[in-house]
PDB file of N, CA and C in Angstrom:
ATOM      1  N   MET A   1       0.840  -1.170   0.000  1.00  0.00           N
ATOM      2  CA  MET A   1       0.000   0.000   0.000  1.00  0.00           C
ATOM      3  C   MET A   1       0.887   1.236   0.000  1.00  0.00           C
ATOM      4  N   ALA A   2       0.615   2.141  -0.907  1.00  0.00           N
ATOM      5  CA  ALA A   2       1.416   3.350  -1.035  1.00  0.00           C
ATOM      6  C   ALA A   2       1.109   4.312   0.105  1.00  0.00           C
ATOM      7  N   PRO A   3       2.126   5.021   0.576  1.00  0.00           N
ATOM      8  CA  PRO A   3       1.878   5.990   1.646  1.00  0.00           C
ATOM      9  C   PRO A   3       1.026   7.157   1.150  1.00  0.00           C
ATOM     10  N   ILE A   4       0.300   7.739   2.064  1.00  0.00           N
ATOM     11  CA  ILE A   4      -0.534   8.890   1.732  1.00  0.00           C
ATOM     12  C   ILE A   4       0.354  10.126   1.772  1.00  0.00           C
ATOM     13  N   THR A   5       0.362  10.889   0.695  1.00  0.00           N
ATOM     14  CA  THR A   5       1.223  12.064   0.629  1.00  0.00           C
ATOM     15  C   THR A   5       0.551  13.263   1.292  1.00  0.00           C
ATOM     16  N   ARG A   6       1.355  14.250   1.596  1.00  0.00           N
ATOM     17  CA  ARG A   6       0.852  15.462   2.243  1.00  0.00           C
ATOM     18  C   ARG A   6      -0.147  16.185   1.349  1.00  0.00           C
ATOM     19  N   SER A   7       0.112  16.220   0.050  1.00  0.00           N
ATOM     20  CA  SER A   7      -0.808  16.903  -0.863  1.00  0.00           C
ATOM     21  C   SER A   7      -2.150  16.182  -0.929  1.00  0.00           C
ATOM     22  N   GLN A   8      -2.139  14.853  -0.852  1.00  0.00           N
ATOM     23  CA  GLN A   8      -3.398  14.103  -0.850  1.00  0.00           C
ATOM     24  C   GLN A   8      -4.218  14.425   0.396  1.00  0.00           C
ATOM     25  N   ILE A   9      -3.550  14.508   1.542  1.00  0.00           N
ATOM     26  CA  ILE A   9      -4.243  14.844   2.785  1.00  0.00           C
ATOM     27  C   ILE A   9      -4.858  16.232   2.684  1.00  0.00           C
ATOM     28  N   ARG A  10      -4.086  17.191   2.162  1.00  0.00           N
ATOM     29  CA  ARG A  10      -4.598  18.562   2.034  1.00  0.00           C
ATOM     30  C   ARG A  10      -5.813  18.614   1.110  1.00  0.00           C
ATOM     31  N   LYS A  11      -5.782  17.877   0.003  1.00  0.00           N
ATOM     32  CA  LYS A  11      -6.905  17.865  -0.934  1.00  0.00           C
ATOM     33  C   LYS A  11      -8.162  17.291  -0.289  1.00  0.00           C
ATOM     34  N   VAL A  12      -8.008  16.222   0.458  1.00  0.00           N
ATOM     35  CA  VAL A  12      -9.163  15.604   1.117  1.00  0.00           C
ATOM     36  C   VAL A  12      -9.747  16.550   2.160  1.00  0.00           C
ATOM     37  N   ILE A  13      -8.892  17.171   2.948  1.00  0.00           N
ATOM     38  CA  ILE A  13      -9.372  18.090   3.980  1.00  0.00           C
ATOM     39  C   ILE A  13     -10.106  19.262   3.352  1.00  0.00           C
ATOM     40  N   LYS A  14      -9.546  19.826   2.290  1.00  0.00           N
ATOM     41  CA  LYS A  14     -10.195  20.955   1.622  1.00  0.00           C
ATOM     42  C   LYS A  14     -11.535  20.557   1.020  1.00  0.00           C
ATOM     43  N   SER A  15     -11.614  19.384   0.414  1.00  0.00           N
ATOM     44  CA  SER A  15     -12.860  18.973  -0.239  1.00  0.00           C
ATOM     45  C   SER A  15     -13.945  18.618   0.772  1.00  0.00           C
ATOM     46  N   LYS A  16     -13.571  18.077   1.923  1.00  0.00           N
ATOM     47  CA  LYS A  16     -14.559  17.640   2.912  1.00  0.00           C
ATOM     48  C   LYS A  16     -14.998  18.744   3.863  1.00  0.00           C
ATOM     49  N   THR A  17     -14.135  19.713   4.144  1.00  0.00           N
ATOM     50  CA  THR A  17     -14.464  20.698   5.169  1.00  0.00           C
ATOM     51  C   THR A  17     -14.733  22.089   4.625  1.00  0.00           C
ATOM     52  N   GLN A  18     -14.303  22.372   3.413  1.00  0.00           N
ATOM     53  CA  GLN A  18     -14.447  23.710   2.825  1.00  0.00           C
ATOM     54  C   GLN A  18     -13.747  24.776   3.670  1.00  0.00           C
ATOM     55  N   LYS A  19     -12.698  24.407   4.370  1.00  0.00           N
ATOM     56  CA  LYS A  19     -11.945  25.351   5.193  1.00  0.00           C
ATOM     57  C   LYS A  19     -10.513  25.426   4.697  1.00  0.00           C
ATOM     58  N   LYS A  20      -9.925  26.579   4.897  1.00  0.00           N
ATOM     59  CA  LYS A  20      -8.529  26.758   4.521  1.00  0.00           C
ATOM     60  C   LYS A  20      -7.638  26.287   5.660  1.00  0.00           C
ATOM     61  N   LEU A  21      -6.535  25.687   5.296  1.00  0.00           N
ATOM     62  CA  LEU A  21      -5.565  25.233   6.283  1.00  0.00           C
ATOM     63  C   LEU A  21      -4.445  26.246   6.402  1.00  0.00           C
ATOM     64  N   ALA A  22      -3.941  26.398   7.602  1.00  0.00           N
ATOM     65  CA  ALA A  22      -2.783  27.251   7.806  1.00  0.00           C
ATOM     66  C   ALA A  22      -1.568  26.573   7.171  1.00  0.00           C
ATOM     67  N   ASN A  23      -0.532  27.331   6.973  1.00  0.00           N
ATOM     68  CA  ASN A  23       0.672  26.785   6.347  1.00  0.00           C
ATOM     69  C   ASN A  23       1.597  26.109   7.360  1.00  0.00           C
ATOM     70  N   ASP A  24       1.027  25.680   8.460  1.00  0.00           N
ATOM     71  CA  ASP A  24       1.836  24.970   9.448  1.00  0.00           C
ATOM     72  C   ASP A  24       1.669  23.457   9.263  1.00  0.00           C
ATOM     73  N   SER A  25       1.816  22.710  10.293  1.00  0.00           N
ATOM     74  CA  SER A  25       1.794  21.247  10.189  1.00  0.00           C
ATOM     75  C   SER A  25       0.435  20.635  10.529  1.00  0.00           C
ATOM     76  N   THR A  26      -0.625  21.398  10.390  1.00  0.00           N
ATOM     77  CA  THR A  26      -1.958  20.896  10.723  1.00  0.00           C
ATOM     78  C   THR A  26      -2.307  19.666   9.908  1.00  0.00           C
ATOM     79  N   ASP A  27      -2.031  19.722   8.616  1.00  0.00           N
ATOM     80  CA  ASP A  27      -2.365  18.587   7.757  1.00  0.00           C
ATOM     81  C   ASP A  27      -1.579  17.335   8.140  1.00  0.00           C
ATOM     82  N   LEU A  28      -0.347  17.508   8.575  1.00  0.00           N
ATOM     83  CA  LEU A  28       0.441  16.350   8.998  1.00  0.00           C
ATOM     84  C   LEU A  28      -0.122  15.727  10.270  1.00  0.00           C
ATOM     85  N   LEU A  29      -0.562  16.572  11.197  1.00  0.00           N
ATOM     86  CA  LEU A  29      -1.152  16.052  12.426  1.00  0.00           C
ATOM     87  C   LEU A  29      -2.439  15.290  12.138  1.00  0.00           C
ATOM     88  N   ILE A  30      -3.240  15.798  11.221  1.00  0.00           N
ATOM     89  CA  ILE A  30      -4.475  15.112  10.849  1.00  0.00           C
ATOM     90  C   ILE A  30      -4.144  13.775  10.193  1.00  0.00           C
ATOM     91  N   GLY A  31      -3.156  13.763   9.318  1.00  0.00           N
ATOM     92  CA  GLY A  31      -2.751  12.526   8.659  1.00  0.00           C
ATOM     93  C   GLY A  31      -2.223  11.492   9.638  1.00  0.00           C
ATOM     94  N   LEU A  32      -1.419  11.934  10.597  1.00  0.00           N
ATOM     95  CA  LEU A  32      -0.892  11.007  11.600  1.00  0.00           C
ATOM     96  C   LEU A  32      -2.000  10.474  12.502  1.00  0.00           C
ATOM     97  N   ASN A  33      -2.950  11.344  12.838  1.00  0.00           N
ATOM     98  CA  ASN A  33      -4.081  10.910  13.653  1.00  0.00           C
ATOM     99  C   ASN A  33      -4.911   9.870  12.903  1.00  0.00           C
ATOM    100  N   PHE A  34      -5.077  10.067  11.610  1.00  0.00           N
ATOM    101  CA  PHE A  34      -5.814   9.108  10.787  1.00  0.00           C
ATOM    102  C   PHE A  34      -5.102   7.759  10.751  1.00  0.00           C
ATOM    103  N   GLN A  35      -3.787   7.782  10.590  1.00  0.00           N
ATOM    104  CA  GLN A  35      -3.025   6.535  10.565  1.00  0.00           C
ATOM    105  C   GLN A  35      -3.098   5.811  11.906  1.00  0.00           C
ATOM    106  N   LEU A  36      -3.073   6.570  12.994  1.00  0.00           N
ATOM    107  CA  LEU A  36      -3.207   5.974  14.319  1.00  0.00           C
ATOM    108  C   LEU A  36      -4.583   5.338  14.486  1.00  0.00           C
ATOM    109  N   PHE A  37      -5.615   6.009  13.976  1.00  0.00           N
ATOM    110  CA  PHE A  37      -6.968   5.464  14.026  1.00  0.00           C
ATOM    111  C   PHE A  37      -7.039   4.140  13.268  1.00  0.00           C
ATOM    112  N   LEU A  38      -6.492   4.099  12.060  1.00  0.00           N
ATOM    113  CA  LEU A  38      -6.530   2.866  11.270  1.00  0.00           C
ATOM    114  C   LEU A  38      -5.778   1.727  11.954  1.00  0.00           C
ATOM    115  N   LYS A  39      -4.661   2.052  12.569  1.00  0.00           N
ATOM    116  CA  LYS A  39      -3.880   1.038  13.280  1.00  0.00           C
ATOM    117  C   LYS A  39      -4.685   0.471  14.447  1.00  0.00           C
ATOM    118  N   ASP A  40      -5.305   1.351  15.243  1.00  0.00           N
ATOM    119  CA  ASP A  40      -6.121   0.904  16.369  1.00  0.00           C
ATOM    120  C   ASP A  40      -7.326   0.103  15.901  1.00  0.00           C
ATOM    121  N   PHE A  41      -7.920   0.530  14.806  1.00  0.00           N
ATOM    122  CA  PHE A  41      -9.089  -0.140  14.242  1.00  0.00           C
ATOM    123  C   PHE A  41      -8.748  -1.570  13.821  1.00  0.00           C
ATOM    124  N   ALA A  42      -7.659  -1.726  13.096  1.00  0.00           N
ATOM    125  CA  ALA A  42      -7.243  -3.059  12.644  1.00  0.00           C
ATOM    126  C   ALA A  42      -6.830  -3.943  13.819  1.00  0.00           C
ATOM    127  N   LYS A  43      -6.149  -3.357  14.792  1.00  0.00           N
ATOM    128  CA  LYS A  43      -5.726  -4.118  15.960  1.00  0.00           C
ATOM    129  C   LYS A  43      -6.931  -4.611  16.751  1.00  0.00           C
ATOM    130  N   ARG A  44      -7.940  -3.753  16.913  1.00  0.00           N
ATOM    131  CA  ARG A  44      -9.146  -4.143  17.657  1.00  0.00           C
ATOM    132  C   ARG A  44      -9.904  -5.249  16.914  1.00  0.00           C
ATOM    133  N   ALA A  45      -9.985  -5.154  15.600  1.00  0.00           N
ATOM    134  CA  ALA A  45     -10.650  -6.200  14.814  1.00  0.00           C
ATOM    135  C   ALA A  45      -9.914  -7.530  14.968  1.00  0.00           C
ATOM    136  N   GLU A  46      -8.604  -7.478  15.008  1.00  0.00           N
ATOM    137  CA  GLU A  46      -7.820  -8.702  15.197  1.00  0.00           C
ATOM    138  C   GLU A  46      -8.047  -9.291  16.588  1.00  0.00           C
ATOM    139  N   GLU A  47      -8.129  -8.434  17.609  1.00  0.00           N
ATOM    140  CA  GLU A  47      -8.398  -8.912  18.966  1.00  0.00           C
ATOM    141  C   GLU A  47      -9.763  -9.590  19.049  1.00  0.00           C
ATOM    142  N   ILE A  48     -10.753  -9.017  18.394  1.00  0.00           N
ATOM    143  CA  ILE A  48     -12.096  -9.597  18.401  1.00  0.00           C
ATOM    144  C   ILE A  48     -12.089 -10.949  17.701  1.00  0.00           C
ATOM    145  N   SER A  49     -11.368 -11.052  16.601  1.00  0.00           N
ATOM    146  CA  SER A  49     -11.310 -12.343  15.893  1.00  0.00           C
ATOM    147  C   SER A  49     -10.613 -13.404  16.741  1.00  0.00           C
ATOM    148  N   ASP A  50      -9.607 -13.008  17.512  1.00  0.00           N
ATOM    149  CA  ASP A  50      -8.936 -13.958  18.407  1.00  0.00           C
ATOM    150  C   ASP A  50      -9.880 -14.440  19.507  1.00  0.00           C
ATOM    151  N   LYS A  51     -10.691 -13.518  20.043  1.00  0.00           N
ATOM    152  CA  LYS A  51     -11.645 -13.889  21.092  1.00  0.00           C
ATOM    153  C   LYS A  51     -12.663 -14.908  20.593  1.00  0.00           C
ATOM    154  N   THR A  52     -13.097 -14.744  19.347  1.00  0.00           N
ATOM    155  CA  THR A  52     -14.104 -15.654  18.802  1.00  0.00           C
ATOM    156  C   THR A  52     -13.495 -16.956  18.307  1.00  0.00           C
ATOM    157  N   GLY A  53     -12.180 -17.035  18.278  1.00  0.00           N
ATOM    158  CA  GLY A  53     -11.512 -18.260  17.849  1.00  0.00           C
ATOM    159  C   GLY A  53     -11.367 -18.381  16.347  1.00  0.00           C
ATOM    160  N   SER A  54     -11.601 -17.313  15.637  1.00  0.00           N
ATOM    161  CA  SER A  54     -11.487 -17.327  14.182  1.00  0.00           C
ATOM    162  C   SER A  54     -10.022 -17.203  13.779  1.00  0.00           C
ATOM    163  N   SER A  55      -9.646 -17.897  12.718  1.00  0.00           N
ATOM    164  CA  SER A  55      -8.267 -17.811  12.246  1.00  0.00           C
ATOM    165  C   SER A  55      -8.063 -16.626  11.306  1.00  0.00           C
ATOM    166  N   GLU A  56      -9.158 -16.042  10.835  1.00  0.00           N
ATOM    167  CA  GLU A  56      -9.094 -14.879   9.947  1.00  0.00           C
ATOM    168  C   GLU A  56      -9.984 -13.770  10.490  1.00  0.00           C
ATOM    169  N   VAL A  57      -9.654 -12.548  10.128  1.00  0.00           N
ATOM    170  CA  VAL A  57     -10.496 -11.414  10.494  1.00  0.00           C
ATOM    171  C   VAL A  57     -11.613 -11.319   9.459  1.00  0.00           C
ATOM    172  N   GLN A  58     -12.834 -11.419   9.930  1.00  0.00           N
ATOM    173  CA  GLN A  58     -14.009 -11.400   9.064  1.00  0.00           C
ATOM    174  C   GLN A  58     -14.649 -10.010   9.073  1.00  0.00           C
ATOM    175  N   PRO A  59     -15.524  -9.725   8.098  1.00  0.00           N
ATOM    176  CA  PRO A  59     -16.178  -8.409   8.051  1.00  0.00           C
ATOM    177  C   PRO A  59     -16.935  -8.046   9.321  1.00  0.00           C
ATOM    178  N   TYR A  60     -17.573  -9.017   9.974  1.00  0.00           N
ATOM    179  CA  TYR A  60     -18.314  -8.681  11.186  1.00  0.00           C
ATOM    180  C   TYR A  60     -17.381  -8.321  12.343  1.00  0.00           C
ATOM    181  N   HIS A  61     -16.130  -8.774  12.303  1.00  0.00           N
ATOM    182  CA  HIS A  61     -15.151  -8.344  13.300  1.00  0.00           C
ATOM    183  C   HIS A  61     -14.864  -6.852  13.122  1.00  0.00           C
ATOM    184  N   PHE A  62     -14.784  -6.425  11.860  1.00  0.00           N
ATOM    185  CA  PHE A  62     -14.545  -5.009  11.595  1.00  0.00           C
ATOM    186  C   PHE A  62     -15.736  -4.158  12.012  1.00  0.00           C
ATOM    187  N   LYS A  63     -16.945  -4.690  11.863  1.00  0.00           N
ATOM    188  CA  LYS A  63     -18.128  -3.933  12.282  1.00  0.00           C
ATOM    189  C   LYS A  63     -18.127  -3.720  13.788  1.00  0.00           C
ATOM    190  N   GLN A  64     -17.797  -4.754  14.533  1.00  0.00           N
ATOM    191  CA  GLN A  64     -17.725  -4.619  15.986  1.00  0.00           C
ATOM    192  C   GLN A  64     -16.594  -3.677  16.392  1.00  0.00           C
ATOM    193  N   ALA A  65     -15.471  -3.796  15.737  1.00  0.00           N
ATOM    194  CA  ALA A  65     -14.330  -2.934  16.044  1.00  0.00           C
ATOM    195  C   ALA A  65     -14.637  -1.483  15.701  1.00  0.00           C
ATOM    196  N   ALA A  66     -15.410  -1.260  14.640  1.00  0.00           N
ATOM    197  CA  ALA A  66     -15.755   0.107  14.242  1.00  0.00           C
ATOM    198  C   ALA A  66     -16.560   0.796  15.329  1.00  0.00           C
ATOM    199  N   GLU A  67     -17.530   0.093  15.903  1.00  0.00           N
ATOM    200  CA  GLU A  67     -18.347   0.690  16.959  1.00  0.00           C
ATOM    201  C   GLU A  67     -17.487   1.127  18.136  1.00  0.00           C
ATOM    202  N   GLU A  68     -16.607   0.258  18.585  1.00  0.00           N
ATOM    203  CA  GLU A  68     -15.776   0.556  19.747  1.00  0.00           C
ATOM    204  C   GLU A  68     -14.733   1.632  19.450  1.00  0.00           C
ATOM    205  N   THR A  69     -14.092   1.530  18.308  1.00  0.00           N
ATOM    206  CA  THR A  69     -13.029   2.474  17.969  1.00  0.00           C
ATOM    207  C   THR A  69     -13.591   3.867  17.716  1.00  0.00           C
ATOM    208  N   LEU A  70     -14.717   3.950  17.024  1.00  0.00           N
ATOM    209  CA  LEU A  70     -15.316   5.258  16.759  1.00  0.00           C
ATOM    210  C   LEU A  70     -15.775   5.927  18.046  1.00  0.00           C
ATOM    211  N   LYS A  71     -16.299   5.165  18.991  1.00  0.00           N
ATOM    212  CA  LYS A  71     -16.695   5.739  20.280  1.00  0.00           C
ATOM    213  C   LYS A  71     -15.490   6.358  20.975  1.00  0.00           C
ATOM    214  N   ARG A  72     -14.369   5.645  20.936  1.00  0.00           N
ATOM    215  CA  ARG A  72     -13.171   6.134  21.611  1.00  0.00           C
ATOM    216  C   ARG A  72     -12.628   7.399  20.943  1.00  0.00           C
ATOM    217  N   TYR A  73     -12.663   7.454  19.620  1.00  0.00           N
ATOM    218  CA  TYR A  73     -12.099   8.602  18.917  1.00  0.00           C
ATOM    219  C   TYR A  73     -13.045   9.792  18.864  1.00  0.00           C
ATOM    220  N   ARG A  74     -14.331   9.566  19.000  1.00  0.00           N
ATOM    221  CA  ARG A  74     -15.273  10.688  19.014  1.00  0.00           C
ATOM    222  C   ARG A  74     -15.261  11.403  20.350  1.00  0.00           C
ATOM    223  N   GLY A  75     -14.875  10.728  21.385  1.00  0.00           N
ATOM    224  CA  GLY A  75     -14.797  11.368  22.694  1.00  0.00           C
ATOM    225  C   GLY A  75     -15.864  10.926  23.639  1.00  0.00           C
TER     226      GLY A  75
END
């Protein structure tokens, strides 16, 4: 999987929020936070699959992990 570039992050933020970004490292912080979220999300899905005794992570593991991970990141 190719890394997400800074320009890609800036384009997504501009298209989704309609707000201008400062010329500081705001976009990098958002990108790093997103990567941390994905890492936690995948890790939680793997933990759930281990609990159920499954040898593979199934789509319903991701659904359960999404509920828990989104609650934690929303506050």
